[in-house]
Each structure stands twice: as C-alpha cells, then as structure tokens.
Amino acid sequence: MFLSFLSALLIGSLLGFIFQRSRFCLTGGFRDMYISRNNRMFYALLIAISVQSIGVIALIQTGYIGSPYKDFSLFSTIIGSVLFGISIVLASGCATGTWYHAGEGLISSWIALLMYMISAAMMRYGPLNGFQKSMAQYGRINDNLAASLNISAWWLVALLVVITLFLVYKSLSKPSLKLATLPPRYSGLRHWLFEKRHHPFFAAVLIGLLAFAAWWVNAMQGKTAGLGITGPSANIINFLTTGDTKKINWGVFLVLGILLGSYLAAKGSHEFRWRLPDLKTLANSVIGGLLMGVGASLAGGCTIGNGLTATAAMSSKGWISLFFIMVGTWLMSHFMYVRPNKQA
C-alpha cells in the first residue's frame, strides 16, 4: 500500500512540476483557440493523448488490464461537459489547473479548488447525488468507440497519430517569434529545471508518458484506471467530513502530488507568491469552482479524466466530452472577453 501511494505521489508531483514549468493550461489553450485562433495547446493535448493511447490500447489488447468501457449517458455527458467548459473560464483554470495554480500561491485558485471539491463531493456523496443519478439515466450509449464502429482500436490510434503528426508539423513549420529574454541566472540542470521555459509539445510527450504510467501502475494492483481528478478531489472532502479512511486512495495522493510538484517548481523558479484576487475574480472563482464540480460529475470526468485519459482509451464518452468542454469554453470566452471588447 505504501509503495502504491508513493507511486501516485511521484507521478502527481512530476505532473505538477511539468504543468507549472511549461504553463500547460488547457483552459487557456481552449480559450485561445476561439479568441486568437491559436491552436498550439490543443495540438499539445493531442500529442499527450497519442503517446498515452499507444501504450493504453496495447495494455487493453494484450489483456494486461480489463475493459475500461462502460455505458454512459450521452445527455448527462453533453450537459456536464458544456457546464464544465463554462466554469473553467470563470475559475481561470480547469480541475487540474486549480490544483497546480494553487501550488503557485494563487488565492483565487485555492478558493476555486475548495468550491470544486465541495460541489464534486455533494454530487458524489451528498444531497446532489440523486440529481446526478437521475441525469445519468437518459440516453445511455456504448462507450467502446472501436466496437461501435466495428473496427480495431488500432485503426483509431493510427488515425489519431497521423492527424497529430500533421498538425504538429504544420505548427512547427510556421516561423516563430523570437521574444526578448533576460540573461539566465542559473546554469546546467538548475537552469533546465527552474528557468528554461519548455515548449508545450515537449511537455505533452512527458505528460503522455506519465498518464500511461498511471494506467500501468494501477494495472499492477488489478485496477483498470488512469489519471483522474474529480473523484479524488471529492474523496478528500468526504474523508475530512466523515473520517472514512477508505476514501484515501491512489487518486488522492495523485492530486496532492500535483499540488506538491507545482509548489516545488514555483518555489525553485522564484514564481511562488501569495496573490490576493480582486472582488470580481473572487466571485468568479466561487461560482466557477462550484459549477466545475457539478459539470465534471455530470460528465463523468474533467479535462484530465475525459479529455486526456478516456480519449486515449478510445472512449466515446472521452471524445464527446472533450468536444463539448471546448464548446462551453468558447461560449463563456465569447461573453467574458469577445463581446465586451466589441461593445467598448
């Protein structure tokens, strides 16, 4: 058990470190797709999915892990994903983003994170659980995308890899702007770890490998699971309010590791500092965090659980959720950023 939790803490810490140092933020990436037509972070996400998918499908096909596919509610997934997309713009970060931004000292992220954990716990264990279950009854469909299409999952992996490689090549072929930078303060490994800003495509490869490692480590314990944020976040609140130690599982140490890794990265790069939000940001963090927990619970996952992990397993729910999360992000970005500028 100790080694299991240690593996979760290690994977989470590495993820948090990479997220912080590369500024790997899917909320900002999806927002930029709509506002500035900048798709680079989305392409990075596709890289992470592709890298993970090759390993995960191999584990499934060889029988090393059991089938991860379960029927799901199309209705609940769409509604929850759109709501989640709206909420992450309000909260200025998705579920994972609030964890790693909290590690940088952002008070607004701590507030959004707490609201997200509370509402997720209410949906999973509390007074909103009945609402979640009733929503999940409508429009249930098969989660196994390859089986639904009657083809091998490897064809879907091949298609994803080809599309990703084409988009990455197209992106890297464009001339990049060379921004002025300050002379480095450090040298060697310290410069590479705490000062150099790594390209999101490089970070995406590392994230994909760590996401695959999560599947592999869980498989060694007889579990079919990868990265997940919402369930563990709700479990922390459940444990704190009931004392149920069974809720302290692998996923809890994963999310705590993300917080720790981000803090170490921010501290080492002198980017950690406590920052108080203004009243508007405070209100958005509270509302966004609460809606985030509700949306992620209805959708059965967040940008990591659905958008990164389920998509790699070629889950119908994962790809549908990812699309509608982006739709929700674009809708909220329009009303928060684009429309006010047009009226100004």
Protein backbone atom coordinates (compact mmCIF):
# COMPACT_ATOMS: atom_id res chain seq x y z
CA MET A 1 0.00 0.00 0.00
CA PHE A 2 2.82 2.39 0.89
CA LEU A 3 4.56 1.82 -2.45
CA SER A 4 1.25 2.31 -4.27
CA PHE A 5 0.64 5.68 -2.63
CA LEU A 6 4.27 6.63 -3.19
CA SER A 7 3.90 5.93 -6.93
CA ALA A 8 0.82 8.18 -7.03
CA LEU A 9 2.64 10.95 -5.19
CA LEU A 10 5.61 10.64 -7.56
CA ILE A 11 3.53 10.69 -10.75
CA GLY A 12 1.43 13.56 -9.43
CA SER A 13 4.50 15.57 -8.38
CA LEU A 14 6.10 15.13 -11.79
CA LEU A 15 2.88 16.19 -13.49
CA GLY A 16 2.55 19.24 -11.25
CA PHE A 17 6.16 20.19 -11.91
CA ILE A 18 5.73 19.88 -15.69
CA PHE A 19 2.40 21.73 -15.70
CA GLN A 20 3.90 24.64 -13.79
CA ARG A 21 7.15 24.94 -15.71
CA SER A 22 5.57 24.58 -19.17
CA ARG A 23 2.40 26.58 -18.33
CA PHE A 24 0.42 23.64 -19.67
CA CYS A 25 -3.07 25.09 -19.27
CA LEU A 26 -5.95 23.62 -21.25
CA THR A 27 -8.36 26.35 -20.17
CA GLY A 28 -6.13 28.99 -21.70
CA GLY A 29 -5.50 26.75 -24.70
CA PHE A 30 -9.18 26.22 -25.47
CA ARG A 31 -9.87 29.93 -24.90
CA ASP A 32 -7.07 30.92 -27.29
CA MET A 33 -8.49 28.63 -29.97
CA TYR A 34 -11.59 30.83 -30.04
CA ILE A 35 -10.18 34.28 -29.31
CA SER A 36 -6.86 34.31 -31.17
CA ARG A 37 -7.10 31.19 -33.36
CA ASN A 38 -4.05 29.80 -31.57
CA ASN A 39 -4.33 26.00 -31.55
CA ARG A 40 -0.90 25.15 -30.16
CA MET A 41 -2.10 23.96 -26.74
CA PHE A 42 -4.79 21.82 -28.36
CA TYR A 43 -2.14 20.20 -30.54
CA ALA A 44 -0.10 19.59 -27.40
CA LEU A 45 -3.10 17.83 -25.86
CA LEU A 46 -3.36 15.62 -28.95
CA ILE A 47 0.31 14.70 -28.53
CA ALA A 48 -0.25 13.68 -24.91
CA ILE A 49 -3.31 11.63 -25.89
CA SER A 50 -1.45 9.94 -28.76
CA VAL A 51 1.58 8.99 -26.65
CA GLN A 52 -0.66 7.60 -23.92
CA SER A 53 -3.02 5.89 -26.33
CA ILE A 54 -0.36 3.69 -27.92
CA GLY A 55 0.51 2.24 -24.53
CA VAL A 56 -3.03 2.01 -23.16
CA ILE A 57 -4.50 0.26 -26.20
CA ALA A 58 -1.57 -2.19 -26.08
CA LEU A 59 -2.40 -2.95 -22.43
CA ILE A 60 -6.07 -3.47 -23.27
CA GLN A 61 -5.42 -5.58 -26.37
CA THR A 62 -2.98 -7.86 -24.56
CA GLY A 63 -5.36 -8.31 -21.63
CA TYR A 64 -2.97 -6.72 -19.14
CA ILE A 65 -5.83 -4.50 -17.99
CA GLY A 66 -9.55 -5.15 -18.16
CA SER A 67 -12.00 -3.33 -20.36
CA PRO A 68 -12.38 0.30 -19.26
CA TYR A 69 -15.60 0.77 -21.22
CA LYS A 70 -18.97 1.28 -19.56
CA ASP A 71 -22.26 2.52 -20.94
CA PHE A 72 -22.74 6.23 -20.28
CA SER A 73 -25.43 8.88 -20.55
CA LEU A 74 -24.93 10.95 -23.68
CA PHE A 75 -27.33 13.58 -22.32
CA SER A 76 -25.55 13.94 -18.97
CA THR A 77 -22.12 13.98 -20.62
CA ILE A 78 -23.02 16.78 -23.03
CA ILE A 79 -24.74 18.94 -20.40
CA GLY A 80 -21.97 18.36 -17.85
CA SER A 81 -19.17 19.00 -20.34
CA VAL A 82 -20.64 22.29 -21.57
CA LEU A 83 -21.18 23.38 -17.96
CA PHE A 84 -17.63 22.36 -17.10
CA GLY A 85 -16.27 24.36 -20.06
CA ILE A 86 -18.19 27.44 -18.91
CA SER A 87 -16.99 27.02 -15.34
CA ILE A 88 -13.28 26.72 -16.09
CA VAL A 89 -13.28 30.09 -17.85
CA LEU A 90 -14.93 31.64 -14.80
CA ALA A 91 -12.49 29.93 -12.44
CA SER A 92 -9.48 30.73 -14.70
CA GLY A 93 -8.44 27.09 -14.66
CA CYS A 94 -9.77 23.57 -15.04
CA ALA A 95 -9.78 20.95 -12.28
CA THR A 96 -6.09 20.19 -12.75
CA GLY A 97 -5.28 23.84 -13.35
CA THR A 98 -6.71 24.88 -9.99
CA TRP A 99 -4.57 22.26 -8.25
CA TYR A 100 -1.34 23.39 -9.85
CA HIS A 101 -2.13 27.13 -9.74
CA ALA A 102 -2.87 26.72 -6.04
CA GLY A 103 0.68 25.41 -5.71
CA GLU A 104 1.90 28.74 -7.11
CA GLY A 105 0.15 30.67 -4.33
CA LEU A 106 -2.91 31.98 -6.21
CA ILE A 107 -5.60 32.56 -3.58
CA SER A 108 -8.28 32.62 -6.29
CA SER A 109 -7.24 29.09 -7.34
CA TRP A 110 -7.39 27.89 -3.72
CA ILE A 111 -10.95 29.26 -3.50
CA ALA A 112 -11.98 27.72 -6.83
CA LEU A 113 -10.37 24.43 -5.81
CA LEU A 114 -12.22 24.30 -2.50
CA MET A 115 -15.57 25.09 -4.16
CA TYR A 116 -14.88 22.47 -6.83
CA MET A 117 -14.05 19.81 -4.23
CA ILE A 118 -17.17 20.61 -2.19
CA SER A 119 -19.59 20.54 -5.13
CA ALA A 120 -17.99 17.35 -6.51
CA ALA A 121 -18.43 15.72 -3.08
CA MET A 122 -22.05 16.88 -2.96
CA MET A 123 -22.64 15.29 -6.36
CA ARG A 124 -20.82 12.09 -5.50
CA TYR A 125 -21.82 11.53 -1.88
CA GLY A 126 -24.15 14.30 -0.72
CA PRO A 127 -27.54 15.88 -1.40
CA LEU A 128 -26.93 16.25 -5.16
CA ASN A 129 -26.17 12.56 -5.69
CA GLY A 130 -29.81 11.82 -6.54
CA PHE A 131 -29.73 14.54 -9.20
CA GLN A 132 -26.57 13.05 -10.71
CA LYS A 133 -28.05 9.55 -10.79
CA SER A 134 -31.31 10.73 -12.37
CA MET A 135 -29.44 12.61 -15.10
CA ALA A 136 -27.35 9.53 -15.82
CA GLN A 137 -30.45 7.52 -16.80
CA TYR A 138 -31.10 9.38 -20.04
CA GLY A 139 -29.68 8.44 -23.43
CA ARG A 140 -27.25 5.71 -22.40
CA ILE A 141 -24.93 4.50 -25.16
CA ASN A 142 -21.88 2.26 -25.61
CA ASP A 143 -18.53 3.72 -24.53
CA ASN A 144 -16.36 1.49 -26.74
CA LEU A 145 -15.81 3.62 -29.83
CA ALA A 146 -13.97 0.93 -31.81
CA ALA A 147 -16.64 -1.67 -31.09
CA SER A 148 -19.37 0.80 -32.10
CA LEU A 149 -17.60 1.35 -35.43
CA ASN A 150 -16.83 -2.38 -35.75
CA ILE A 151 -13.12 -1.77 -36.33
CA SER A 152 -9.89 -2.44 -34.45
CA ALA A 153 -8.93 0.20 -31.89
CA TRP A 154 -5.52 0.33 -33.58
CA TRP A 155 -7.10 1.99 -36.63
CA LEU A 156 -8.33 4.79 -34.37
CA VAL A 157 -4.90 5.11 -32.76
CA ALA A 158 -3.25 5.23 -36.20
CA LEU A 159 -5.70 7.91 -37.36
CA LEU A 160 -5.07 9.97 -34.22
CA VAL A 161 -1.29 9.70 -34.59
CA VAL A 162 -1.34 10.67 -38.28
CA ILE A 163 -3.59 13.69 -37.65
CA THR A 164 -1.48 14.76 -34.68
CA LEU A 165 1.79 14.47 -36.58
CA PHE A 166 0.37 16.51 -39.46
CA LEU A 167 -0.89 19.27 -37.15
CA VAL A 168 2.37 19.35 -35.19
CA TYR A 169 4.42 19.53 -38.40
CA LYS A 170 2.19 22.32 -39.69
CA SER A 171 2.56 24.22 -36.42
CA LEU A 172 6.34 23.83 -36.20
CA SER A 173 6.75 24.85 -39.85
CA LYS A 174 5.42 28.32 -39.13
CA PRO A 175 8.06 30.93 -38.30
CA SER A 176 8.09 31.63 -34.59
CA LEU A 177 8.52 35.00 -32.98
CA LYS A 178 11.74 35.41 -31.04
CA LEU A 179 10.91 37.23 -27.85
CA ALA A 180 13.47 39.14 -25.86
CA THR A 181 14.61 37.24 -22.79
CA LEU A 182 16.65 38.09 -19.76
CA PRO A 183 20.09 36.52 -19.42
CA PRO A 184 19.94 33.23 -17.49
CA ARG A 185 20.59 33.37 -13.76
CA TYR A 186 21.39 29.68 -13.47
CA SER A 187 23.35 27.14 -15.47
CA GLY A 188 23.21 23.41 -16.08
CA LEU A 189 20.43 21.31 -14.59
CA ARG A 190 19.12 24.13 -12.41
CA HIS A 191 18.62 26.32 -15.49
CA TRP A 192 16.90 23.48 -17.34
CA LEU A 193 14.57 22.68 -14.45
CA PHE A 194 13.71 26.06 -12.98
CA GLU A 195 14.39 28.72 -15.59
CA LYS A 196 14.07 27.41 -19.13
CA ARG A 197 10.51 27.57 -20.46
CA HIS A 198 9.94 24.31 -22.31
CA HIS A 199 7.81 24.00 -25.42
CA PRO A 200 4.30 22.63 -24.74
CA PHE A 201 4.88 19.88 -27.32
CA PHE A 202 7.85 18.61 -25.30
CA ALA A 203 5.82 18.82 -22.11
CA ALA A 204 2.97 16.95 -23.81
CA VAL A 205 5.22 13.96 -24.54
CA LEU A 206 6.21 13.77 -20.86
CA ILE A 207 2.59 14.16 -19.74
CA GLY A 208 1.53 11.37 -22.12
CA LEU A 209 4.20 9.06 -20.69
CA LEU A 210 3.17 9.84 -17.11
CA ALA A 211 -0.50 9.33 -17.98
CA PHE A 212 0.39 5.90 -19.38
CA ALA A 213 2.41 5.17 -16.24
CA ALA A 214 -0.75 5.78 -14.20
CA TRP A 215 -2.57 3.06 -16.14
CA TRP A 216 0.36 0.67 -15.75
CA VAL A 217 0.79 1.24 -12.01
CA ASN A 218 -2.93 0.78 -11.39
CA ALA A 219 -2.90 -2.36 -13.54
CA MET A 220 -0.25 -3.88 -11.27
CA GLN A 221 -2.79 -3.51 -8.44
CA GLY A 222 -5.51 -5.16 -10.51
CA LYS A 223 -7.29 -1.89 -11.29
CA THR A 224 -8.39 -0.53 -14.64
CA ALA A 225 -7.86 3.21 -14.23
CA GLY A 226 -5.67 6.06 -15.38
CA LEU A 227 -5.42 9.66 -14.27
CA GLY A 228 -8.44 11.19 -12.56
CA ILE A 229 -9.00 14.44 -10.66
CA THR A 230 -12.68 14.87 -9.76
CA GLY A 231 -13.21 11.62 -7.85
CA PRO A 232 -10.09 12.04 -5.69
CA SER A 233 -10.94 15.70 -5.03
CA ALA A 234 -14.40 14.68 -3.79
CA ASN A 235 -12.85 11.90 -1.72
CA ILE A 236 -10.72 14.39 0.20
CA ILE A 237 -13.82 16.31 1.32
CA ASN A 238 -15.58 13.06 2.17
CA PHE A 239 -12.66 11.94 4.33
CA LEU A 240 -12.39 15.30 6.08
CA THR A 241 -16.09 15.31 6.96
CA THR A 242 -16.67 11.61 7.74
CA GLY A 243 -13.24 10.26 8.65
CA ASP A 244 -13.69 7.36 6.20
CA THR A 245 -10.10 6.27 5.55
CA LYS A 246 -11.21 4.13 2.59
CA LYS A 247 -11.56 7.36 0.63
CA ILE A 248 -7.81 7.99 0.91
CA ASN A 249 -6.75 6.11 -2.19
CA TRP A 250 -4.25 6.27 -5.05
CA GLY A 251 -6.03 9.18 -6.72
CA VAL A 252 -5.92 11.32 -3.58
CA PHE A 253 -2.14 11.04 -3.42
CA LEU A 254 -2.02 11.83 -7.15
CA VAL A 255 -3.77 15.19 -6.78
CA LEU A 256 -1.79 16.05 -3.65
CA GLY A 257 1.32 15.26 -5.68
CA ILE A 258 0.23 17.74 -8.37
CA LEU A 259 -0.02 20.43 -5.69
CA LEU A 260 3.39 19.50 -4.27
CA GLY A 261 5.12 19.34 -7.66
CA SER A 262 3.75 22.70 -8.70
CA TYR A 263 4.84 24.27 -5.42
CA LEU A 264 8.38 22.91 -5.79
CA ALA A 265 8.58 24.16 -9.38
CA ALA A 266 7.23 27.61 -8.48
CA LYS A 267 9.48 27.88 -5.44
CA GLY A 268 12.57 26.81 -7.34
CA SER A 269 11.90 29.31 -10.13
CA HIS A 270 11.02 32.13 -7.67
CA GLU A 271 7.48 32.27 -9.10
CA PHE A 272 5.71 31.32 -5.88
CA ARG A 273 3.97 34.13 -4.07
CA TRP A 274 0.63 34.58 -2.36
CA ARG A 275 -1.62 36.69 -4.59
CA LEU A 276 -4.97 38.07 -3.42
CA PRO A 277 -7.75 38.38 -6.04
CA ASP A 278 -9.98 41.39 -6.54
CA LEU A 279 -13.68 41.05 -5.69
CA LYS A 280 -14.73 40.21 -9.26
CA THR A 281 -12.13 37.45 -9.55
CA LEU A 282 -13.13 36.19 -6.11
CA ALA A 283 -16.79 35.91 -7.15
CA ASN A 284 -15.87 34.20 -10.43
CA SER A 285 -13.69 31.72 -8.54
CA VAL A 286 -16.51 30.79 -6.18
CA ILE A 287 -19.13 30.41 -8.93
CA GLY A 288 -16.72 28.75 -11.36
CA GLY A 289 -15.47 26.29 -8.76
CA LEU A 290 -18.98 25.25 -7.73
CA LEU A 291 -20.10 24.77 -11.32
CA MET A 292 -16.90 22.91 -12.13
CA GLY A 293 -17.65 20.16 -9.61
CA VAL A 294 -21.21 19.80 -10.84
CA GLY A 295 -20.20 19.75 -14.51
CA ALA A 296 -17.33 17.28 -14.07
CA SER A 297 -19.57 14.94 -12.04
CA LEU A 298 -22.34 15.00 -14.65
CA ALA A 299 -19.85 14.45 -17.46
CA GLY A 300 -18.09 11.65 -15.60
CA GLY A 301 -14.74 13.43 -15.78
CA CYS A 302 -12.86 16.66 -16.40
CA THR A 303 -10.24 17.73 -18.93
CA ILE A 304 -7.94 15.06 -17.49
CA GLY A 305 -10.37 12.25 -16.71
CA ASN A 306 -12.26 12.59 -20.00
CA GLY A 307 -10.17 14.90 -22.19
CA LEU A 308 -6.80 13.18 -21.66
CA THR A 309 -7.38 9.74 -20.13
CA ALA A 310 -10.65 8.44 -21.61
CA THR A 311 -9.79 9.74 -25.08
CA ALA A 312 -6.54 7.73 -25.02
CA ALA A 313 -8.55 4.56 -24.39
CA MET A 314 -10.69 5.44 -27.44
CA SER A 315 -13.73 6.05 -25.29
CA SER A 316 -16.77 7.58 -26.97
CA LYS A 317 -17.50 9.49 -23.78
CA GLY A 318 -13.99 10.92 -23.69
CA TRP A 319 -14.05 12.37 -27.19
CA ILE A 320 -17.64 13.64 -26.91
CA SER A 321 -16.86 15.26 -23.57
CA LEU A 322 -13.66 16.87 -24.88
CA PHE A 323 -15.54 18.48 -27.76
CA PHE A 324 -18.33 19.87 -25.58
CA ILE A 325 -15.88 21.11 -22.94
CA MET A 326 -14.33 23.19 -25.70
CA VAL A 327 -17.79 24.38 -26.80
CA GLY A 328 -18.53 25.53 -23.24
CA THR A 329 -15.16 27.26 -23.05
CA TRP A 330 -15.77 29.08 -26.32
CA LEU A 331 -19.26 30.18 -25.23
CA MET A 332 -18.01 31.65 -21.97
CA SER A 333 -14.97 33.19 -23.65
CA HIS A 334 -17.28 34.99 -26.05
CA PHE A 335 -19.35 36.54 -23.27
CA MET A 336 -16.39 37.31 -20.97
CA TYR A 337 -13.81 38.56 -23.47
CA VAL A 338 -15.02 38.96 -27.06
CA ARG A 339 -18.42 40.60 -26.55
CA PRO A 340 -17.20 43.25 -24.02
CA ASN A 341 -14.43 44.27 -26.42
CA LYS A 342 -16.89 44.69 -29.27
CA GLN A 343 -19.12 46.90 -27.12
CA ALA A 344 -16.21 49.02 -25.90
